[in-house]
């Protein structure tokens, strides 16, 4: 099984696409580093390399954790397997 995205720890809400773009309708394979655990689920959007994939469903106002750090809040609903980026995630600074 190839690793297509990585997650720092199970508490994180997103993984980072690391090998090549993910295509909608495919199964994504991820590795949770801290727990040394593999996960897989359906990818719902095309997601470019270096971008984030949702590991769970998010509602507007939810906090997103990445590498055990608060990286912002959800501003549009997100389903597990969708692309998480500027269209649905904003920093809390502004």
PDB file of N, CA and C in Angstrom:
ATOM      1  N   UNK A   1       0.849  -1.178   0.000  1.00  0.00           N
ATOM      2  CA  UNK A   1       0.000   0.000   0.000  1.00  0.00           C
ATOM      3  C   UNK A   1       0.891   1.237   0.000  1.00  0.00           C
ATOM      4  N   UNK A   2       0.643   2.154  -0.909  1.00  0.00           N
ATOM      5  CA  UNK A   2       1.422   3.388  -0.950  1.00  0.00           C
ATOM      6  C   UNK A   2       0.841   4.411   0.022  1.00  0.00           C
ATOM      7  N   UNK A   3       1.676   5.318   0.475  1.00  0.00           N
ATOM      8  CA  UNK A   3       1.245   6.412   1.358  1.00  0.00           C
ATOM      9  C   UNK A   3       1.062   7.651   0.500  1.00  0.00           C
ATOM     10  N   UNK A   4      -0.145   8.208   0.510  1.00  0.00           N
ATOM     11  CA  UNK A   4      -0.455   9.381  -0.306  1.00  0.00           C
ATOM     12  C   UNK A   4      -0.609  10.655   0.514  1.00  0.00           C
ATOM     13  N   UNK A   5      -0.927  10.499   1.803  1.00  0.00           N
ATOM     14  CA  UNK A   5      -0.986  11.663   2.688  1.00  0.00           C
ATOM     15  C   UNK A   5      -0.498  11.248   4.066  1.00  0.00           C
ATOM     16  N   UNK A   6      -0.001  12.240   4.813  1.00  0.00           N
ATOM     17  CA  UNK A   6       0.482  11.955   6.159  1.00  0.00           C
ATOM     18  C   UNK A   6      -0.268  12.795   7.184  1.00  0.00           C
ATOM     19  N   UNK A   7      -0.349  12.248   8.379  1.00  0.00           N
ATOM     20  CA  UNK A   7      -0.998  12.882   9.514  1.00  0.00           C
ATOM     21  C   UNK A   7      -0.022  12.786  10.671  1.00  0.00           C
ATOM     22  N   UNK A   8       0.136  13.862  11.434  1.00  0.00           N
ATOM     23  CA  UNK A   8       1.083  13.828  12.544  1.00  0.00           C
ATOM     24  C   UNK A   8       0.601  12.919  13.657  1.00  0.00           C
ATOM     25  N   UNK A   9      -0.639  13.109  14.098  1.00  0.00           N
ATOM     26  CA  UNK A   9      -1.193  12.282  15.174  1.00  0.00           C
ATOM     27  C   UNK A   9      -2.704  12.182  15.016  1.00  0.00           C
ATOM     28  N   UNK A  10      -3.305  11.206  15.665  1.00  0.00           N
ATOM     29  CA  UNK A  10      -4.739  10.940  15.493  1.00  0.00           C
ATOM     30  C   UNK A  10      -5.625  12.119  15.863  1.00  0.00           C
ATOM     31  N   UNK A  11      -5.179  13.029  16.727  1.00  0.00           N
ATOM     32  CA  UNK A  11      -5.984  14.187  17.115  1.00  0.00           C
ATOM     33  C   UNK A  11      -6.105  15.213  15.993  1.00  0.00           C
ATOM     34  N   UNK A  12      -5.260  15.126  14.965  1.00  0.00           N
ATOM     35  CA  UNK A  12      -5.309  16.073  13.856  1.00  0.00           C
ATOM     36  C   UNK A  12      -6.565  15.841  13.010  1.00  0.00           C
ATOM     37  N   UNK A  13      -7.084  16.919  12.428  1.00  0.00           N
ATOM     38  CA  UNK A  13      -8.283  16.828  11.619  1.00  0.00           C
ATOM     39  C   UNK A  13      -8.028  16.793  10.126  1.00  0.00           C
ATOM     40  N   UNK A  14      -6.768  17.035   9.734  1.00  0.00           N
ATOM     41  CA  UNK A  14      -6.405  17.026   8.318  1.00  0.00           C
ATOM     42  C   UNK A  14      -5.094  16.285   8.119  1.00  0.00           C
ATOM     43  N   UNK A  15      -4.917  15.777   6.909  1.00  0.00           N
ATOM     44  CA  UNK A  15      -3.662  15.185   6.494  1.00  0.00           C
ATOM     45  C   UNK A  15      -3.109  15.992   5.338  1.00  0.00           C
ATOM     46  N   UNK A  16      -1.816  15.864   5.098  1.00  0.00           N
ATOM     47  CA  UNK A  16      -1.157  16.599   4.024  1.00  0.00           C
ATOM     48  C   UNK A  16      -0.833  15.637   2.880  1.00  0.00           C
ATOM     49  N   UNK A  17      -1.258  15.998   1.678  1.00  0.00           N
ATOM     50  CA  UNK A  17      -0.999  15.196   0.482  1.00  0.00           C
ATOM     51  C   UNK A  17       0.489  15.318   0.150  1.00  0.00           C
ATOM     52  N   UNK A  18       1.194  14.173   0.104  1.00  0.00           N
ATOM     53  CA  UNK A  18       2.655  14.234   0.009  1.00  0.00           C
ATOM     54  C   UNK A  18       3.274  13.597  -1.227  1.00  0.00           C
ATOM     55  N   UNK A  19       2.579  12.765  -1.956  1.00  0.00           N
ATOM     56  CA  UNK A  19       3.222  12.034  -3.054  1.00  0.00           C
ATOM     57  C   UNK A  19       2.840  12.613  -4.409  1.00  0.00           C
ATOM     58  N   UNK A  20       1.549  12.681  -4.669  1.00  0.00           N
ATOM     59  CA  UNK A  20       1.036  13.255  -5.918  1.00  0.00           C
ATOM     60  C   UNK A  20      -0.396  13.690  -5.664  1.00  0.00           C
ATOM     61  N   UNK A  21      -0.931  14.464  -6.592  1.00  0.00           N
ATOM     62  CA  UNK A  21      -2.313  14.920  -6.438  1.00  0.00           C
ATOM     63  C   UNK A  21      -3.241  13.731  -6.191  1.00  0.00           C
ATOM     64  N   UNK A  22      -4.244  13.947  -5.333  1.00  0.00           N
ATOM     65  CA  UNK A  22      -5.282  12.934  -5.127  1.00  0.00           C
ATOM     66  C   UNK A  22      -6.444  13.232  -6.056  1.00  0.00           C
ATOM     67  N   UNK A  23      -7.062  12.210  -6.589  1.00  0.00           N
ATOM     68  CA  UNK A  23      -8.170  12.361  -7.524  1.00  0.00           C
ATOM     69  C   UNK A  23      -9.484  11.966  -6.857  1.00  0.00           C
ATOM     70  N   UNK A  24     -10.500  12.768  -7.091  1.00  0.00           N
ATOM     71  CA  UNK A  24     -11.837  12.476  -6.572  1.00  0.00           C
ATOM     72  C   UNK A  24     -12.277  11.090  -7.025  1.00  0.00           C
ATOM     73  N   UNK A  25     -12.912  10.364  -6.117  1.00  0.00           N
ATOM     74  CA  UNK A  25     -13.430   9.041  -6.438  1.00  0.00           C
ATOM     75  C   UNK A  25     -12.455   7.907  -6.199  1.00  0.00           C
ATOM     76  N   UNK A  26     -11.232   8.241  -5.784  1.00  0.00           N
ATOM     77  CA  UNK A  26     -10.246   7.203  -5.490  1.00  0.00           C
ATOM     78  C   UNK A  26     -10.163   6.975  -3.982  1.00  0.00           C
ATOM     79  N   UNK A  27      -9.503   5.906  -3.600  1.00  0.00           N
ATOM     80  CA  UNK A  27      -9.276   5.636  -2.188  1.00  0.00           C
ATOM     81  C   UNK A  27      -7.921   6.238  -1.804  1.00  0.00           C
ATOM     82  N   UNK A  28      -7.917   7.057  -0.757  1.00  0.00           N
ATOM     83  CA  UNK A  28      -6.683   7.669  -0.278  1.00  0.00           C
ATOM     84  C   UNK A  28      -6.094   6.855   0.863  1.00  0.00           C
ATOM     85  N   UNK A  29      -4.782   6.672   0.830  1.00  0.00           N
ATOM     86  CA  UNK A  29      -4.073   5.918   1.862  1.00  0.00           C
ATOM     87  C   UNK A  29      -3.177   6.869   2.649  1.00  0.00           C
ATOM     88  N   UNK A  30      -3.365   6.886   3.954  1.00  0.00           N
ATOM     89  CA  UNK A  30      -2.588   7.783   4.798  1.00  0.00           C
ATOM     90  C   UNK A  30      -1.883   7.064   5.915  1.00  0.00           C
ATOM     91  N   UNK A  31      -0.858   7.729   6.433  1.00  0.00           N
ATOM     92  CA  UNK A  31      -0.072   7.197   7.550  1.00  0.00           C
ATOM     93  C   UNK A  31      -0.114   8.196   8.687  1.00  0.00           C
ATOM     94  N   UNK A  32      -0.557   7.741   9.862  1.00  0.00           N
ATOM     95  CA  UNK A  32      -0.522   8.560  11.065  1.00  0.00           C
ATOM     96  C   UNK A  32       0.819   8.283  11.736  1.00  0.00           C
ATOM     97  N   UNK A  33       1.705   9.270  11.712  1.00  0.00           N
ATOM     98  CA  UNK A  33       3.090   9.070  12.123  1.00  0.00           C
ATOM     99  C   UNK A  33       3.237   8.680  13.591  1.00  0.00           C
ATOM    100  N   UNK A  34       2.648   9.465  14.502  1.00  0.00           N
ATOM    101  CA  UNK A  34       2.864   9.230  15.933  1.00  0.00           C
ATOM    102  C   UNK A  34       2.394   7.842  16.366  1.00  0.00           C
ATOM    103  N   UNK A  35       1.262   7.410  15.841  1.00  0.00           N
ATOM    104  CA  UNK A  35       0.722   6.109  16.220  1.00  0.00           C
ATOM    105  C   UNK A  35       1.169   4.983  15.278  1.00  0.00           C
ATOM    106  N   UNK A  36       1.916   5.337  14.240  1.00  0.00           N
ATOM    107  CA  UNK A  36       2.358   4.389  13.210  1.00  0.00           C
ATOM    108  C   UNK A  36       1.189   3.517  12.758  1.00  0.00           C
ATOM    109  N   UNK A  37       0.158   4.210  12.256  1.00  0.00           N
ATOM    110  CA  UNK A  37      -1.097   3.554  11.882  1.00  0.00           C
ATOM    111  C   UNK A  37      -1.484   3.997  10.475  1.00  0.00           C
ATOM    112  N   UNK A  38      -1.987   3.073   9.687  1.00  0.00           N
ATOM    113  CA  UNK A  38      -2.464   3.376   8.340  1.00  0.00           C
ATOM    114  C   UNK A  38      -3.974   3.621   8.375  1.00  0.00           C
ATOM    115  N   UNK A  39      -4.432   4.555   7.550  1.00  0.00           N
ATOM    116  CA  UNK A  39      -5.863   4.813   7.384  1.00  0.00           C
ATOM    117  C   UNK A  39      -6.153   4.925   5.894  1.00  0.00           C
ATOM    118  N   UNK A  40      -7.394   4.683   5.516  1.00  0.00           N
ATOM    119  CA  UNK A  40      -7.800   4.873   4.129  1.00  0.00           C
ATOM    120  C   UNK A  40      -9.278   5.218   4.090  1.00  0.00           C
ATOM    121  N   UNK A  41      -9.629   6.041   3.121  1.00  0.00           N
ATOM    122  CA  UNK A  41     -11.012   6.436   2.918  1.00  0.00           C
ATOM    123  C   UNK A  41     -11.163   7.041   1.529  1.00  0.00           C
ATOM    124  N   UNK A  42     -12.406   7.249   1.128  1.00  0.00           N
ATOM    125  CA  UNK A  42     -12.743   7.782  -0.188  1.00  0.00           C
ATOM    126  C   UNK A  42     -12.366   9.261  -0.284  1.00  0.00           C
ATOM    127  N   UNK A  43     -11.692   9.645  -1.362  1.00  0.00           N
ATOM    128  CA  UNK A  43     -11.358  11.037  -1.635  1.00  0.00           C
ATOM    129  C   UNK A  43     -12.508  11.637  -2.444  1.00  0.00           C
ATOM    130  N   UNK A  44     -13.045  12.774  -1.976  1.00  0.00           N
ATOM    131  CA  UNK A  44     -14.231  13.360  -2.597  1.00  0.00           C
ATOM    132  C   UNK A  44     -13.920  14.472  -3.596  1.00  0.00           C
ATOM    133  N   UNK A  45     -12.756  15.117  -3.476  1.00  0.00           N
ATOM    134  CA  UNK A  45     -12.355  16.214  -4.367  1.00  0.00           C
ATOM    135  C   UNK A  45     -10.976  15.916  -4.930  1.00  0.00           C
ATOM    136  N   UNK A  46     -10.648  16.526  -6.067  1.00  0.00           N
ATOM    137  CA  UNK A  46      -9.257  16.531  -6.506  1.00  0.00           C
ATOM    138  C   UNK A  46      -8.482  17.399  -5.523  1.00  0.00           C
ATOM    139  N   UNK A  47      -7.342  16.892  -5.019  1.00  0.00           N
ATOM    140  CA  UNK A  47      -6.561  17.626  -4.020  1.00  0.00           C
ATOM    141  C   UNK A  47      -5.103  17.669  -4.478  1.00  0.00           C
ATOM    142  N   UNK A  48      -4.563  18.882  -4.687  1.00  0.00           N
ATOM    143  CA  UNK A  48      -3.176  19.001  -5.146  1.00  0.00           C
ATOM    144  C   UNK A  48      -2.170  18.593  -4.071  1.00  0.00           C
ATOM    145  N   UNK A  49      -1.000  18.176  -4.517  1.00  0.00           N
ATOM    146  CA  UNK A  49       0.091  17.856  -3.607  1.00  0.00           C
ATOM    147  C   UNK A  49       0.385  19.080  -2.732  1.00  0.00           C
ATOM    148  N   UNK A  50       0.656  18.839  -1.459  1.00  0.00           N
ATOM    149  CA  UNK A  50       0.944  19.907  -0.517  1.00  0.00           C
ATOM    150  C   UNK A  50      -0.289  20.483   0.152  1.00  0.00           C
ATOM    151  N   UNK A  51      -1.474  20.135  -0.337  1.00  0.00           N
ATOM    152  CA  UNK A  51      -2.708  20.639   0.259  1.00  0.00           C
ATOM    153  C   UNK A  51      -3.249  19.637   1.274  1.00  0.00           C
ATOM    154  N   UNK A  52      -4.338  20.015   1.938  1.00  0.00           N
ATOM    155  CA  UNK A  52      -4.875  19.225   3.039  1.00  0.00           C
ATOM    156  C   UNK A  52      -6.145  18.468   2.625  1.00  0.00           C
ATOM    157  N   UNK A  53      -6.281  17.271   3.199  1.00  0.00           N
ATOM    158  CA  UNK A  53      -7.480  16.464   3.041  1.00  0.00           C
ATOM    159  C   UNK A  53      -8.134  16.336   4.418  1.00  0.00           C
ATOM    160  N   UNK A  54      -9.467  16.486   4.455  1.00  0.00           N
ATOM    161  CA  UNK A  54     -10.207  16.368   5.718  1.00  0.00           C
ATOM    162  C   UNK A  54     -10.259  14.912   6.161  1.00  0.00           C
ATOM    163  N   UNK A  55      -9.941  14.677   7.424  1.00  0.00           N
ATOM    164  CA  UNK A  55      -9.980  13.335   7.995  1.00  0.00           C
ATOM    165  C   UNK A  55     -11.305  13.035   8.675  1.00  0.00           C
ATOM    166  N   UNK A  56     -12.157  14.061   8.770  1.00  0.00           N
ATOM    167  CA  UNK A  56     -13.467  13.916   9.394  1.00  0.00           C
ATOM    168  C   UNK A  56     -14.366  15.011   8.843  1.00  0.00           C
ATOM    169  N   UNK A  57     -15.650  14.944   9.155  1.00  0.00           N
ATOM    170  CA  UNK A  57     -16.574  16.006   8.780  1.00  0.00           C
ATOM    171  C   UNK A  57     -16.360  17.208   9.696  1.00  0.00           C
ATOM    172  N   UNK A  58     -16.450  18.417   9.126  1.00  0.00           N
ATOM    173  CA  UNK A  58     -16.338  19.657   9.890  1.00  0.00           C
ATOM    174  C   UNK A  58     -17.570  20.512   9.637  1.00  0.00           C
ATOM    175  N   UNK A  59     -18.021  21.207  10.679  1.00  0.00           N
ATOM    176  CA  UNK A  59     -19.096  22.186  10.574  1.00  0.00           C
ATOM    177  C   UNK A  59     -18.508  23.589  10.644  1.00  0.00           C
ATOM    178  N   UNK A  60     -19.257  24.573  10.164  1.00  0.00           N
ATOM    179  CA  UNK A  60     -18.822  25.964  10.243  1.00  0.00           C
ATOM    180  C   UNK A  60     -18.508  26.307  11.700  1.00  0.00           C
ATOM    181  N   UNK A  61     -17.339  26.929  11.906  1.00  0.00           N
ATOM    182  CA  UNK A  61     -16.901  27.326  13.246  1.00  0.00           C
ATOM    183  C   UNK A  61     -15.979  26.322  13.920  1.00  0.00           C
ATOM    184  N   UNK A  62     -15.894  25.101  13.390  1.00  0.00           N
ATOM    185  CA  UNK A  62     -15.003  24.093  13.983  1.00  0.00           C
ATOM    186  C   UNK A  62     -13.547  24.512  13.828  1.00  0.00           C
ATOM    187  N   UNK A  63     -12.739  24.161  14.806  1.00  0.00           N
ATOM    188  CA  UNK A  63     -11.297  24.374  14.766  1.00  0.00           C
ATOM    189  C   UNK A  63     -10.635  23.205  14.058  1.00  0.00           C
ATOM    190  N   UNK A  64      -9.633  23.504  13.236  1.00  0.00           N
ATOM    191  CA  UNK A  64      -8.875  22.475  12.525  1.00  0.00           C
ATOM    192  C   UNK A  64      -7.495  22.373  13.154  1.00  0.00           C
ATOM    193  N   UNK A  65      -7.116  21.144  13.500  1.00  0.00           N
ATOM    194  CA  UNK A  65      -5.801  20.875  14.072  1.00  0.00           C
ATOM    195  C   UNK A  65      -4.933  20.183  13.018  1.00  0.00           C
ATOM    196  N   UNK A  66      -3.672  20.622  12.932  1.00  0.00           N
ATOM    197  CA  UNK A  66      -2.678  20.005  12.050  1.00  0.00           C
ATOM    198  C   UNK A  66      -1.359  20.052  12.794  1.00  0.00           C
ATOM    199  N   UNK A  67      -0.678  18.929  12.881  1.00  0.00           N
ATOM    200  CA  UNK A  67       0.569  18.823  13.661  1.00  0.00           C
ATOM    201  C   UNK A  67       0.351  19.293  15.099  1.00  0.00           C
ATOM    202  N   UNK A  68      -0.835  18.942  15.647  1.00  0.00           N
ATOM    203  CA  UNK A  68      -1.218  19.288  17.016  1.00  0.00           C
ATOM    204  C   UNK A  68      -1.258  20.801  17.239  1.00  0.00           C
ATOM    205  N   UNK A  69      -1.530  21.558  16.183  1.00  0.00           N
ATOM    206  CA  UNK A  69      -1.586  23.020  16.256  1.00  0.00           C
ATOM    207  C   UNK A  69      -2.884  23.500  15.619  1.00  0.00           C
ATOM    208  N   UNK A  70      -3.525  24.477  16.249  1.00  0.00           N
ATOM    209  CA  UNK A  70      -4.732  25.099  15.727  1.00  0.00           C
ATOM    210  C   UNK A  70      -4.341  25.913  14.483  1.00  0.00           C
ATOM    211  N   UNK A  71      -4.855  25.513  13.313  1.00  0.00           N
ATOM    212  CA  UNK A  71      -4.494  26.233  12.087  1.00  0.00           C
ATOM    213  C   UNK A  71      -5.638  27.100  11.565  1.00  0.00           C
ATOM    214  N   UNK A  72      -6.778  27.129  12.250  1.00  0.00           N
ATOM    215  CA  UNK A  72      -7.863  27.998  11.828  1.00  0.00           C
ATOM    216  C   UNK A  72      -9.230  27.414  12.080  1.00  0.00           C
ATOM    217  N   UNK A  73     -10.232  28.104  11.506  1.00  0.00           N
ATOM    218  CA  UNK A  73     -11.620  27.674  11.687  1.00  0.00           C
ATOM    219  C   UNK A  73     -12.278  27.434  10.332  1.00  0.00           C
ATOM    220  N   UNK A  74     -13.214  26.535  10.344  1.00  0.00           N
ATOM    221  CA  UNK A  74     -13.967  26.178   9.144  1.00  0.00           C
ATOM    222  C   UNK A  74     -15.017  27.256   8.873  1.00  0.00           C
ATOM    223  N   UNK A  75     -15.092  27.732   7.610  1.00  0.00           N
ATOM    224  CA  UNK A  75     -16.055  28.758   7.226  1.00  0.00           C
ATOM    225  C   UNK A  75     -17.104  28.235   6.238  1.00  0.00           C
ATOM    226  N   UNK A  76     -16.947  27.006   5.791  1.00  0.00           N
ATOM    227  CA  UNK A  76     -17.940  26.326   4.947  1.00  0.00           C
ATOM    228  C   UNK A  76     -17.875  24.846   5.291  1.00  0.00           C
ATOM    229  N   UNK A  77     -19.009  24.155   5.344  1.00  0.00           N
ATOM    230  CA  UNK A  77     -19.003  22.741   5.730  1.00  0.00           C
ATOM    231  C   UNK A  77     -18.030  21.908   4.883  1.00  0.00           C
ATOM    232  N   UNK A  78     -17.393  20.932   5.535  1.00  0.00           N
ATOM    233  CA  UNK A  78     -16.423  20.052   4.876  1.00  0.00           C
ATOM    234  C   UNK A  78     -16.732  18.617   5.277  1.00  0.00           C
ATOM    235  N   UNK A  79     -16.720  17.735   4.306  1.00  0.00           N
ATOM    236  CA  UNK A  79     -16.912  16.302   4.553  1.00  0.00           C
ATOM    237  C   UNK A  79     -15.566  15.594   4.550  1.00  0.00           C
ATOM    238  N   UNK A  80     -15.487  14.504   5.274  1.00  0.00           N
ATOM    239  CA  UNK A  80     -14.298  13.658   5.263  1.00  0.00           C
ATOM    240  C   UNK A  80     -13.952  13.314   3.820  1.00  0.00           C
ATOM    241  N   UNK A  81     -12.682  13.525   3.444  1.00  0.00           N
ATOM    242  CA  UNK A  81     -12.235  13.239   2.088  1.00  0.00           C
ATOM    243  C   UNK A  81     -12.220  14.440   1.163  1.00  0.00           C
ATOM    244  N   UNK A  82     -12.706  15.587   1.646  1.00  0.00           N
ATOM    245  CA  UNK A  82     -12.705  16.790   0.819  1.00  0.00           C
ATOM    246  C   UNK A  82     -11.423  17.604   1.009  1.00  0.00           C
ATOM    247  N   UNK A  83     -11.193  18.493   0.051  1.00  0.00           N
ATOM    248  CA  UNK A  83     -10.065  19.418   0.044  1.00  0.00           C
ATOM    249  C   UNK A  83     -10.294  20.492   1.106  1.00  0.00           C
ATOM    250  N   UNK A  84      -9.319  20.711   1.975  1.00  0.00           N
ATOM    251  CA  UNK A  84      -9.379  21.780   2.976  1.00  0.00           C
ATOM    252  C   UNK A  84      -8.344  22.820   2.568  1.00  0.00           C
ATOM    253  N   UNK A  85      -8.826  24.034   2.270  1.00  0.00           N
ATOM    254  CA  UNK A  85      -7.946  25.106   1.800  1.00  0.00           C
ATOM    255  C   UNK A  85      -8.665  26.438   2.028  1.00  0.00           C
ATOM    256  N   UNK A  86      -8.270  27.480   1.331  1.00  0.00           N
ATOM    257  CA  UNK A  86      -8.795  28.828   1.568  1.00  0.00           C
ATOM    258  C   UNK A  86     -10.295  28.961   1.321  1.00  0.00           C
ATOM    259  N   UNK A  87     -10.891  28.050   0.560  1.00  0.00           N
ATOM    260  CA  UNK A  87     -12.326  28.125   0.289  1.00  0.00           C
ATOM    261  C   UNK A  87     -13.168  27.715   1.495  1.00  0.00           C
ATOM    262  N   UNK A  88     -12.569  27.021   2.458  1.00  0.00           N
ATOM    263  CA  UNK A  88     -13.355  26.565   3.613  1.00  0.00           C
ATOM    264  C   UNK A  88     -12.630  26.658   4.953  1.00  0.00           C
ATOM    265  N   UNK A  89     -11.409  27.192   4.956  1.00  0.00           N
ATOM    266  CA  UNK A  89     -10.617  27.330   6.182  1.00  0.00           C
ATOM    267  C   UNK A  89      -9.996  28.715   6.243  1.00  0.00           C
ATOM    268  N   UNK A  90     -10.179  29.406   7.353  1.00  0.00           N
ATOM    269  CA  UNK A  90      -9.604  30.736   7.540  1.00  0.00           C
ATOM    270  C   UNK A  90      -8.853  30.799   8.868  1.00  0.00           C
ATOM    271  N   UNK A  91      -7.810  31.597   8.905  1.00  0.00           N
ATOM    272  CA  UNK A  91      -7.071  31.811  10.138  1.00  0.00           C
ATOM    273  C   UNK A  91      -7.955  32.513  11.160  1.00  0.00           C
ATOM    274  N   UNK A  92      -7.663  32.352  12.423  1.00  0.00           N
ATOM    275  CA  UNK A  92      -8.411  33.039  13.479  1.00  0.00           C
ATOM    276  C   UNK A  92      -7.808  34.404  13.805  1.00  0.00           C
ATOM    277  N   UNK A  93      -6.712  34.742  13.145  1.00  0.00           N
ATOM    278  CA  UNK A  93      -6.024  36.005  13.427  1.00  0.00           C
ATOM    279  C   UNK A  93      -6.814  37.219  12.962  1.00  0.00           C
ATOM    280  N   UNK A  94      -7.584  37.074  11.853  1.00  0.00           N
ATOM    281  CA  UNK A  94      -8.308  38.211  11.315  1.00  0.00           C
ATOM    282  C   UNK A  94      -9.772  37.938  11.237  1.00  0.00           C
TER     283      UNK A  94
END
